[in-house]
Amino acid sequence: MPGPVQSIERAAAILRLLARSSGRLGVGEIAKSLGLARGTAHGIIRTLERVGFVEQDEASGKYLLGPQLLHLGTSYLDVNELRSRAINWADALASRSGEAVRIGTLLDGKVLVVHHVFRPDDTLQSLDVGALLPLHATALGKALLAHDANAATSIDGVELEAFSRRTITSSRDLVRALARVRDLGWASEIEEMSIGEAGIAAPIRGYGGLVVGAIGVSGAVERLCDTKGVPDPALVGYLRDAARAVSRDLGASRW
């Protein structure tokens, strides 16, 4: 079995030292604290700086934790709290709706599925946890896009991939669809990702009303919608109740 990698252990020690420090540290201070040669410490710090885990203060020349590392930590906390708070409500929603339920959040221009409850029947199903779904062609993605200006801006003017003949591929049409999502308080997609499949989703809010994720129900079009392709109002009601409940548990005062 391979042993530990010394350079990674040293890099982790530098990050912990910077995290404990109340201010900024110079290369000499870091080297002395960890018993490293100055050149060794400097090489590791420069590597950490290149990947955004450490940054250098221009005025003092000293180092502090970088934005990428802080982003990773925040993402870890957000995703895990979202999942833990949503599990019971997602189970209840699957039971009430009789359909599969997914919890998703934004990650690098995609929807990351962080929790998936199977449809409560005996059919063969595959677990989607960890899957990355397109924002524009899924109900989860639209629920997130409609409430995240940065994410919406990132796809403005971009050619959107068509997954079926019903996929929205025009950014102008998508902007109109997202405005409707904000008006309704929930999103839908009918055969935009897969023929014969439909989905509805609602945003999940945290402290201050910030949208931190979305919860969605997906299944066959004939089960989720009427003959005109309109989602079942009862299912929409179950969905919005679940989204409100998770939001409340996450500290949202409004949704």
C-alpha atoms as a PDB file:
ATOM      1  CA  MET A   1       0.000   0.000   0.000  1.00  0.00           C
ATOM      2  CA  PRO A   2       1.510   3.383  -0.991  1.00  0.00           C
ATOM      3  CA  GLY A   3       2.657   5.618   1.842  1.00  0.00           C
ATOM      4  CA  PRO A   4       1.818   9.279   2.433  1.00  0.00           C
ATOM      5  CA  VAL A   5       3.033  11.926  -0.024  1.00  0.00           C
ATOM      6  CA  GLN A   6       5.309  14.271   1.910  1.00  0.00           C
ATOM      7  CA  SER A   7       4.730  17.338  -0.269  1.00  0.00           C
ATOM      8  CA  ILE A   8       0.958  17.065   0.164  1.00  0.00           C
ATOM      9  CA  GLU A   9       1.327  16.668   3.918  1.00  0.00           C
ATOM     10  CA  ARG A  10       3.491  19.800   3.996  1.00  0.00           C
ATOM     11  CA  ALA A  11       1.019  21.730   1.852  1.00  0.00           C
ATOM     12  CA  ALA A  12      -1.814  20.717   4.197  1.00  0.00           C
ATOM     13  CA  ALA A  13       0.279  21.838   7.189  1.00  0.00           C
ATOM     14  CA  ILE A  14       0.842  25.246   5.580  1.00  0.00           C
ATOM     15  CA  LEU A  15      -2.891  25.650   4.938  1.00  0.00           C
ATOM     16  CA  ARG A  16      -3.716  24.732   8.534  1.00  0.00           C
ATOM     17  CA  LEU A  17      -1.102  27.186   9.798  1.00  0.00           C
ATOM     18  CA  LEU A  18      -2.564  30.001   7.687  1.00  0.00           C
ATOM     19  CA  ALA A  19      -6.079  29.079   8.838  1.00  0.00           C
ATOM     20  CA  ARG A  20      -5.035  29.345  12.500  1.00  0.00           C
ATOM     21  CA  SER A  21      -3.156  32.593  11.983  1.00  0.00           C
ATOM     22  CA  SER A  22      -4.978  35.798  12.879  1.00  0.00           C
ATOM     23  CA  GLY A  23      -3.009  37.726  10.261  1.00  0.00           C
ATOM     24  CA  ARG A  24      -0.743  37.142   7.285  1.00  0.00           C
ATOM     25  CA  LEU A  25       2.455  35.088   7.395  1.00  0.00           C
ATOM     26  CA  GLY A  26       5.703  35.474   5.498  1.00  0.00           C
ATOM     27  CA  VAL A  27       7.666  32.621   3.959  1.00  0.00           C
ATOM     28  CA  GLY A  28      10.244  32.764   6.756  1.00  0.00           C
ATOM     29  CA  GLU A  29       7.577  32.597   9.450  1.00  0.00           C
ATOM     30  CA  ILE A  30       5.904  29.626   7.779  1.00  0.00           C
ATOM     31  CA  ALA A  31       9.200  27.793   7.298  1.00  0.00           C
ATOM     32  CA  LYS A  32      10.249  28.376  10.910  1.00  0.00           C
ATOM     33  CA  SER A  33       6.879  27.304  12.330  1.00  0.00           C
ATOM     34  CA  LEU A  34       6.884  24.025  10.402  1.00  0.00           C
ATOM     35  CA  GLY A  35      10.601  23.278  10.519  1.00  0.00           C
ATOM     36  CA  LEU A  36      11.011  23.495   6.753  1.00  0.00           C
ATOM     37  CA  ALA A  37      13.815  24.872   4.636  1.00  0.00           C
ATOM     38  CA  ARG A  38      12.877  28.331   3.353  1.00  0.00           C
ATOM     39  CA  GLY A  39      13.209  27.198  -0.280  1.00  0.00           C
ATOM     40  CA  THR A  40      10.964  24.192   0.317  1.00  0.00           C
ATOM     41  CA  ALA A  41       8.302  26.309   1.992  1.00  0.00           C
ATOM     42  CA  HIS A  42       8.476  28.910  -0.765  1.00  0.00           C
ATOM     43  CA  GLY A  43       8.031  26.300  -3.508  1.00  0.00           C
ATOM     44  CA  ILE A  44       4.966  24.805  -1.874  1.00  0.00           C
ATOM     45  CA  ILE A  45       3.445  28.230  -1.213  1.00  0.00           C
ATOM     46  CA  ARG A  46       3.923  29.309  -4.822  1.00  0.00           C
ATOM     47  CA  THR A  47       2.197  26.118  -6.001  1.00  0.00           C
ATOM     48  CA  LEU A  48      -0.709  26.722  -3.637  1.00  0.00           C
ATOM     49  CA  GLU A  49      -0.882  30.289  -4.912  1.00  0.00           C
ATOM     50  CA  ARG A  50      -1.111  29.136  -8.533  1.00  0.00           C
ATOM     51  CA  VAL A  51      -4.176  27.001  -7.797  1.00  0.00           C
ATOM     52  CA  GLY A  52      -5.843  29.751  -5.752  1.00  0.00           C
ATOM     53  CA  PHE A  53      -5.551  28.095  -2.342  1.00  0.00           C
ATOM     54  CA  VAL A  54      -3.166  30.822  -1.110  1.00  0.00           C
ATOM     55  CA  GLU A  55      -2.792  34.468  -2.108  1.00  0.00           C
ATOM     56  CA  GLN A  56      -0.113  37.060  -1.461  1.00  0.00           C
ATOM     57  CA  ASP A  57      -0.839  40.429   0.072  1.00  0.00           C
ATOM     58  CA  GLU A  58       0.665  43.014  -2.274  1.00  0.00           C
ATOM     59  CA  ALA A  59       1.487  45.526   0.449  1.00  0.00           C
ATOM     60  CA  SER A  60       3.275  43.205   2.891  1.00  0.00           C
ATOM     61  CA  GLY A  61       4.325  40.334   0.620  1.00  0.00           C
ATOM     62  CA  LYS A  62       2.895  37.920   3.179  1.00  0.00           C
ATOM     63  CA  TYR A  63       0.449  35.088   2.516  1.00  0.00           C
ATOM     64  CA  LEU A  64      -3.110  34.229   3.520  1.00  0.00           C
ATOM     65  CA  LEU A  65      -5.733  31.690   2.495  1.00  0.00           C
ATOM     66  CA  GLY A  66      -6.981  32.170  -1.060  1.00  0.00           C
ATOM     67  CA  PRO A  67     -10.532  32.454  -2.394  1.00  0.00           C
ATOM     68  CA  GLN A  68     -10.595  29.039  -4.058  1.00  0.00           C
ATOM     69  CA  LEU A  69      -9.931  27.258  -0.784  1.00  0.00           C
ATOM     70  CA  LEU A  70     -12.589  29.310   0.984  1.00  0.00           C
ATOM     71  CA  HIS A  71     -15.009  28.543  -1.841  1.00  0.00           C
ATOM     72  CA  LEU A  72     -14.385  24.811  -1.475  1.00  0.00           C
ATOM     73  CA  GLY A  73     -15.031  24.992   2.254  1.00  0.00           C
ATOM     74  CA  THR A  74     -18.216  26.984   1.804  1.00  0.00           C
ATOM     75  CA  SER A  75     -19.453  24.630  -0.922  1.00  0.00           C
ATOM     76  CA  TYR A  76     -18.812  21.617   1.298  1.00  0.00           C
ATOM     77  CA  LEU A  77     -20.789  23.113   4.170  1.00  0.00           C
ATOM     78  CA  ASP A  78     -23.607  24.322   1.941  1.00  0.00           C
ATOM     79  CA  VAL A  79     -24.033  21.032   0.080  1.00  0.00           C
ATOM     80  CA  ASN A  80     -23.902  18.865   3.183  1.00  0.00           C
ATOM     81  CA  GLU A  81     -26.305  21.024   5.164  1.00  0.00           C
ATOM     82  CA  LEU A  82     -28.676  21.216   2.205  1.00  0.00           C
ATOM     83  CA  ARG A  83     -28.665  17.428   1.875  1.00  0.00           C
ATOM     84  CA  SER A  84     -29.040  16.712   5.586  1.00  0.00           C
ATOM     85  CA  ARG A  85     -31.896  19.203   6.005  1.00  0.00           C
ATOM     86  CA  ALA A  86     -33.708  17.977   2.889  1.00  0.00           C
ATOM     87  CA  ILE A  87     -33.537  14.185   3.321  1.00  0.00           C
ATOM     88  CA  ASN A  88     -36.714  13.715   5.382  1.00  0.00           C
ATOM     89  CA  TRP A  89     -38.742  16.154   3.299  1.00  0.00           C
ATOM     90  CA  ALA A  90     -37.534  14.531   0.065  1.00  0.00           C
ATOM     91  CA  ASP A  91     -38.620  11.109   1.337  1.00  0.00           C
ATOM     92  CA  ALA A  92     -42.035  12.497   2.249  1.00  0.00           C
ATOM     93  CA  LEU A  93     -42.387  14.165  -1.154  1.00  0.00           C
ATOM     94  CA  ALA A  94     -41.570  10.912  -2.967  1.00  0.00           C
ATOM     95  CA  SER A  95     -44.193   9.131  -0.880  1.00  0.00           C
ATOM     96  CA  ARG A  96     -46.880  11.773  -1.521  1.00  0.00           C
ATOM     97  CA  SER A  97     -46.155  12.171  -5.229  1.00  0.00           C
ATOM     98  CA  GLY A  98     -45.322   8.564  -6.042  1.00  0.00           C
ATOM     99  CA  GLU A  99     -42.403   9.855  -8.131  1.00  0.00           C
ATOM    100  CA  ALA A 100     -38.621  10.195  -7.939  1.00  0.00           C
ATOM    101  CA  VAL A 101     -37.286  13.224  -6.075  1.00  0.00           C
ATOM    102  CA  ARG A 102     -33.930  14.948  -6.545  1.00  0.00           C
ATOM    103  CA  ILE A 103     -32.171  17.734  -4.676  1.00  0.00           C
ATOM    104  CA  GLY A 104     -29.727  19.807  -6.728  1.00  0.00           C
ATOM    105  CA  THR A 105     -27.384  22.752  -6.382  1.00  0.00           C
ATOM    106  CA  LEU A 106     -25.213  24.800  -8.730  1.00  0.00           C
ATOM    107  CA  LEU A 107     -21.707  23.585  -9.553  1.00  0.00           C
ATOM    108  CA  ASP A 108     -19.573  24.958 -12.391  1.00  0.00           C
ATOM    109  CA  GLY A 109     -22.499  25.816 -14.661  1.00  0.00           C
ATOM    110  CA  LYS A 110     -24.345  22.539 -14.041  1.00  0.00           C
ATOM    111  CA  VAL A 111     -26.833  21.091 -11.570  1.00  0.00           C
ATOM    112  CA  LEU A 112     -25.118  18.778  -9.095  1.00  0.00           C
ATOM    113  CA  VAL A 113     -27.536  16.154  -7.778  1.00  0.00           C
ATOM    114  CA  VAL A 114     -26.787  15.867  -4.048  1.00  0.00           C
ATOM    115  CA  HIS A 115     -29.700  13.628  -3.050  1.00  0.00           C
ATOM    116  CA  HIS A 116     -32.003  11.262  -4.929  1.00  0.00           C
ATOM    117  CA  VAL A 117     -35.034   9.367  -3.645  1.00  0.00           C
ATOM    118  CA  PHE A 118     -36.246   6.574  -5.905  1.00  0.00           C
ATOM    119  CA  ARG A 119     -39.819   6.405  -7.116  1.00  0.00           C
ATOM    120  CA  PRO A 120     -41.600   4.279  -4.484  1.00  0.00           C
ATOM    121  CA  ASP A 121     -42.372   1.242  -6.644  1.00  0.00           C
ATOM    122  CA  ASP A 122     -40.570  -1.896  -7.759  1.00  0.00           C
ATOM    123  CA  THR A 123     -39.244  -0.619 -11.101  1.00  0.00           C
ATOM    124  CA  LEU A 124     -35.518  -0.711 -11.842  1.00  0.00           C
ATOM    125  CA  GLN A 125     -33.959   2.722 -11.223  1.00  0.00           C
ATOM    126  CA  SER A 126     -30.415   4.125 -11.199  1.00  0.00           C
ATOM    127  CA  LEU A 127     -29.003   6.424  -8.528  1.00  0.00           C
ATOM    128  CA  ASP A 128     -28.266   9.954  -9.785  1.00  0.00           C
ATOM    129  CA  VAL A 129     -26.353  11.313  -6.778  1.00  0.00           C
ATOM    130  CA  GLY A 130     -23.238  13.063  -8.090  1.00  0.00           C
ATOM    131  CA  ALA A 131     -24.656  13.464 -11.586  1.00  0.00           C
ATOM    132  CA  LEU A 132     -24.220  16.815 -13.342  1.00  0.00           C
ATOM    133  CA  LEU A 133     -27.298  17.936 -15.269  1.00  0.00           C
ATOM    134  CA  PRO A 134     -27.706  20.817 -17.749  1.00  0.00           C
ATOM    135  CA  LEU A 135     -29.207  23.984 -16.324  1.00  0.00           C
ATOM    136  CA  HIS A 136     -31.322  24.970 -19.312  1.00  0.00           C
ATOM    137  CA  ALA A 137     -32.956  21.585 -19.989  1.00  0.00           C
ATOM    138  CA  THR A 138     -34.033  20.521 -16.497  1.00  0.00           C
ATOM    139  CA  ALA A 139     -36.594  21.808 -14.048  1.00  0.00           C
ATOM    140  CA  LEU A 140     -33.975  21.793 -11.290  1.00  0.00           C
ATOM    141  CA  GLY A 141     -31.666  23.869 -13.469  1.00  0.00           C
ATOM    142  CA  LYS A 142     -34.322  26.414 -14.367  1.00  0.00           C
ATOM    143  CA  ALA A 143     -35.328  26.813 -10.709  1.00  0.00           C
ATOM    144  CA  LEU A 144     -31.693  27.601  -9.888  1.00  0.00           C
ATOM    145  CA  LEU A 145     -31.012  29.788 -12.937  1.00  0.00           C
ATOM    146  CA  ALA A 146     -34.076  31.922 -12.335  1.00  0.00           C
ATOM    147  CA  HIS A 147     -32.678  33.046  -8.983  1.00  0.00           C
ATOM    148  CA  ASP A 148     -28.947  33.311  -9.710  1.00  0.00           C
ATOM    149  CA  ALA A 149     -27.951  36.312 -11.817  1.00  0.00           C
ATOM    150  CA  ASN A 150     -24.340  35.163 -12.178  1.00  0.00           C
ATOM    151  CA  ALA A 151     -25.315  31.728 -13.451  1.00  0.00           C
ATOM    152  CA  ALA A 152     -27.862  33.201 -15.859  1.00  0.00           C
ATOM    153  CA  THR A 153     -25.296  35.678 -17.177  1.00  0.00           C
ATOM    154  CA  SER A 154     -22.799  32.866 -17.799  1.00  0.00           C
ATOM    155  CA  ILE A 155     -25.055  31.285 -20.421  1.00  0.00           C
ATOM    156  CA  ASP A 156     -26.244  34.547 -21.994  1.00  0.00           C
ATOM    157  CA  GLY A 157     -25.552  34.403 -25.726  1.00  0.00           C
ATOM    158  CA  VAL A 158     -24.176  30.878 -25.469  1.00  0.00           C
ATOM    159  CA  GLU A 159     -25.430  28.235 -27.905  1.00  0.00           C
ATOM    160  CA  LEU A 160     -27.482  25.874 -25.745  1.00  0.00           C
ATOM    161  CA  GLU A 161     -27.294  22.143 -26.378  1.00  0.00           C
ATOM    162  CA  ALA A 162     -30.427  20.448 -27.690  1.00  0.00           C
ATOM    163  CA  PHE A 163     -31.279  17.174 -25.945  1.00  0.00           C
ATOM    164  CA  SER A 164     -34.613  16.822 -27.742  1.00  0.00           C
ATOM    165  CA  ARG A 165     -36.728  18.820 -30.190  1.00  0.00           C
ATOM    166  CA  ARG A 166     -38.382  20.518 -27.202  1.00  0.00           C
ATOM    167  CA  THR A 167     -35.173  21.726 -25.530  1.00  0.00           C
ATOM    168  CA  ILE A 168     -34.895  25.504 -25.235  1.00  0.00           C
ATOM    169  CA  THR A 169     -31.803  26.432 -27.257  1.00  0.00           C
ATOM    170  CA  SER A 170     -32.324  30.189 -27.586  1.00  0.00           C
ATOM    171  CA  SER A 171     -30.990  32.299 -24.720  1.00  0.00           C
ATOM    172  CA  ARG A 172     -33.775  34.813 -25.412  1.00  0.00           C
ATOM    173  CA  ASP A 173     -36.425  32.111 -25.004  1.00  0.00           C
ATOM    174  CA  LEU A 174     -34.691  30.897 -21.861  1.00  0.00           C
ATOM    175  CA  VAL A 175     -34.756  34.381 -20.339  1.00  0.00           C
ATOM    176  CA  ARG A 176     -38.532  34.487 -20.889  1.00  0.00           C
ATOM    177  CA  ALA A 177     -38.918  31.019 -19.363  1.00  0.00           C
ATOM    178  CA  LEU A 178     -36.907  32.039 -16.301  1.00  0.00           C
ATOM    179  CA  ALA A 179     -39.071  35.131 -15.804  1.00  0.00           C
ATOM    180  CA  ARG A 180     -42.099  32.835 -15.742  1.00  0.00           C
ATOM    181  CA  VAL A 181     -40.366  30.618 -13.173  1.00  0.00           C
ATOM    182  CA  ARG A 182     -39.896  33.636 -10.901  1.00  0.00           C
ATOM    183  CA  ASP A 183     -43.538  34.622 -11.341  1.00  0.00           C
ATOM    184  CA  LEU A 184     -44.887  31.134 -10.601  1.00  0.00           C
ATOM    185  CA  GLY A 185     -42.416  30.161  -7.908  1.00  0.00           C
ATOM    186  CA  TRP A 186     -41.640  26.816  -9.592  1.00  0.00           C
ATOM    187  CA  ALA A 187     -40.153  25.470 -12.828  1.00  0.00           C
ATOM    188  CA  SER A 188     -41.063  22.718 -15.245  1.00  0.00           C
ATOM    189  CA  GLU A 189     -39.650  20.865 -18.209  1.00  0.00           C
ATOM    190  CA  ILE A 190     -41.690  18.637 -20.474  1.00  0.00           C
ATOM    191  CA  GLU A 191     -39.584  16.277 -22.624  1.00  0.00           C
ATOM    192  CA  GLU A 192     -36.787  18.854 -22.858  1.00  0.00           C
ATOM    193  CA  MET A 193     -34.159  16.464 -21.492  1.00  0.00           C
ATOM    194  CA  SER A 194     -35.607  13.050 -22.345  1.00  0.00           C
ATOM    195  CA  ILE A 195     -38.546  12.051 -24.534  1.00  0.00           C
ATOM    196  CA  GLY A 196     -41.449  10.807 -22.428  1.00  0.00           C
ATOM    197  CA  GLU A 197     -40.078  12.357 -19.214  1.00  0.00           C
ATOM    198  CA  ALA A 198     -41.131  15.512 -17.362  1.00  0.00           C
ATOM    199  CA  GLY A 199     -40.049  17.343 -14.257  1.00  0.00           C
ATOM    200  CA  ILE A 200     -41.086  20.106 -11.893  1.00  0.00           C
ATOM    201  CA  ALA A 201     -38.870  21.857  -9.345  1.00  0.00           C
ATOM    202  CA  ALA A 202     -38.945  24.652  -6.785  1.00  0.00           C
ATOM    203  CA  PRO A 203     -36.114  26.682  -5.266  1.00  0.00           C
ATOM    204  CA  ILE A 204     -34.814  26.065  -1.749  1.00  0.00           C
ATOM    205  CA  ARG A 205     -33.814  29.177   0.175  1.00  0.00           C
ATOM    206  CA  GLY A 206     -31.443  29.668   3.085  1.00  0.00           C
ATOM    207  CA  TYR A 207     -30.693  32.598   5.390  1.00  0.00           C
ATOM    208  CA  GLY A 208     -31.626  35.961   3.911  1.00  0.00           C
ATOM    209  CA  GLY A 209     -33.759  34.321   1.240  1.00  0.00           C
ATOM    210  CA  LEU A 210     -30.740  33.264  -0.842  1.00  0.00           C
ATOM    211  CA  VAL A 211     -31.498  30.323  -3.127  1.00  0.00           C
ATOM    212  CA  VAL A 212     -29.079  27.519  -2.184  1.00  0.00           C
ATOM    213  CA  GLY A 213     -30.617  24.631  -4.086  1.00  0.00           C
ATOM    214  CA  ALA A 214     -33.723  23.186  -5.655  1.00  0.00           C
ATOM    215  CA  ILE A 215     -35.968  20.195  -5.081  1.00  0.00           C
ATOM    216  CA  GLY A 216     -37.676  18.457  -7.962  1.00  0.00           C
ATOM    217  CA  VAL A 217     -40.048  15.655  -8.921  1.00  0.00           C
ATOM    218  CA  SER A 218     -39.521  13.755 -12.164  1.00  0.00           C
ATOM    219  CA  GLY A 219     -41.311  10.959 -13.987  1.00  0.00           C
ATOM    220  CA  ALA A 220     -43.299   9.967 -17.027  1.00  0.00           C
ATOM    221  CA  VAL A 221     -45.172  12.796 -18.759  1.00  0.00           C
ATOM    222  CA  GLU A 222     -48.512  10.996 -18.505  1.00  0.00           C
ATOM    223  CA  ARG A 223     -48.180  10.744 -14.726  1.00  0.00           C
ATOM    224  CA  LEU A 224     -46.957  14.299 -14.070  1.00  0.00           C
ATOM    225  CA  CYS A 225     -49.072  16.209 -16.613  1.00  0.00           C
ATOM    226  CA  ASP A 226     -52.527  16.353 -18.110  1.00  0.00           C
ATOM    227  CA  THR A 227     -53.271  15.731 -21.782  1.00  0.00           C
ATOM    228  CA  LYS A 228     -52.252  19.319 -22.611  1.00  0.00           C
ATOM    229  CA  GLY A 229     -48.842  18.944 -20.963  1.00  0.00           C
ATOM    230  CA  VAL A 230     -49.722  21.016 -17.889  1.00  0.00           C
ATOM    231  CA  PRO A 231     -48.217  19.730 -14.619  1.00  0.00           C
ATOM    232  CA  ASP A 232     -50.679  18.322 -12.100  1.00  0.00           C
ATOM    233  CA  PRO A 233     -51.571  21.131  -9.638  1.00  0.00           C
ATOM    234  CA  ALA A 234     -51.616  18.632  -6.754  1.00  0.00           C
ATOM    235  CA  LEU A 235     -48.021  17.590  -7.508  1.00  0.00           C
ATOM    236  CA  VAL A 236     -46.987  21.237  -7.732  1.00  0.00           C
ATOM    237  CA  GLY A 237     -48.590  21.815  -4.342  1.00  0.00           C
ATOM    238  CA  TYR A 238     -46.722  18.877  -2.776  1.00  0.00           C
ATOM    239  CA  LEU A 239     -43.488  20.141  -4.301  1.00  0.00           C
ATOM    240  CA  ARG A 240     -43.865  23.698  -3.054  1.00  0.00           C
ATOM    241  CA  ASP A 241     -44.790  22.478   0.424  1.00  0.00           C
ATOM    242  CA  ALA A 242     -41.561  20.440   0.530  1.00  0.00           C
ATOM    243  CA  ALA A 243     -39.464  23.364  -0.754  1.00  0.00           C
ATOM    244  CA  ARG A 244     -40.931  25.655   1.918  1.00  0.00           C
ATOM    245  CA  ALA A 245     -40.273  23.082   4.629  1.00  0.00           C
ATOM    246  CA  VAL A 246     -36.611  22.616   3.659  1.00  0.00           C
ATOM    247  CA  SER A 247     -36.179  26.382   3.331  1.00  0.00           C
ATOM    248  CA  ARG A 248     -37.642  26.904   6.780  1.00  0.00           C
ATOM    249  CA  ASP A 249     -35.230  24.330   8.227  1.00  0.00           C
ATOM    250  CA  LEU A 250     -32.338  26.164   6.541  1.00  0.00           C
ATOM    251  CA  GLY A 251     -33.302  29.442   8.203  1.00  0.00           C
ATOM    252  CA  ALA A 252     -35.177  31.192   5.409  1.00  0.00           C
ATOM    253  CA  SER A 253     -37.701  33.734   6.581  1.00  0.00           C
ATOM    254  CA  ARG A 254     -39.368  33.961   3.182  1.00  0.00           C
ATOM    255  CA  TRP A 255     -39.822  31.798   0.128  1.00  0.00           C
END
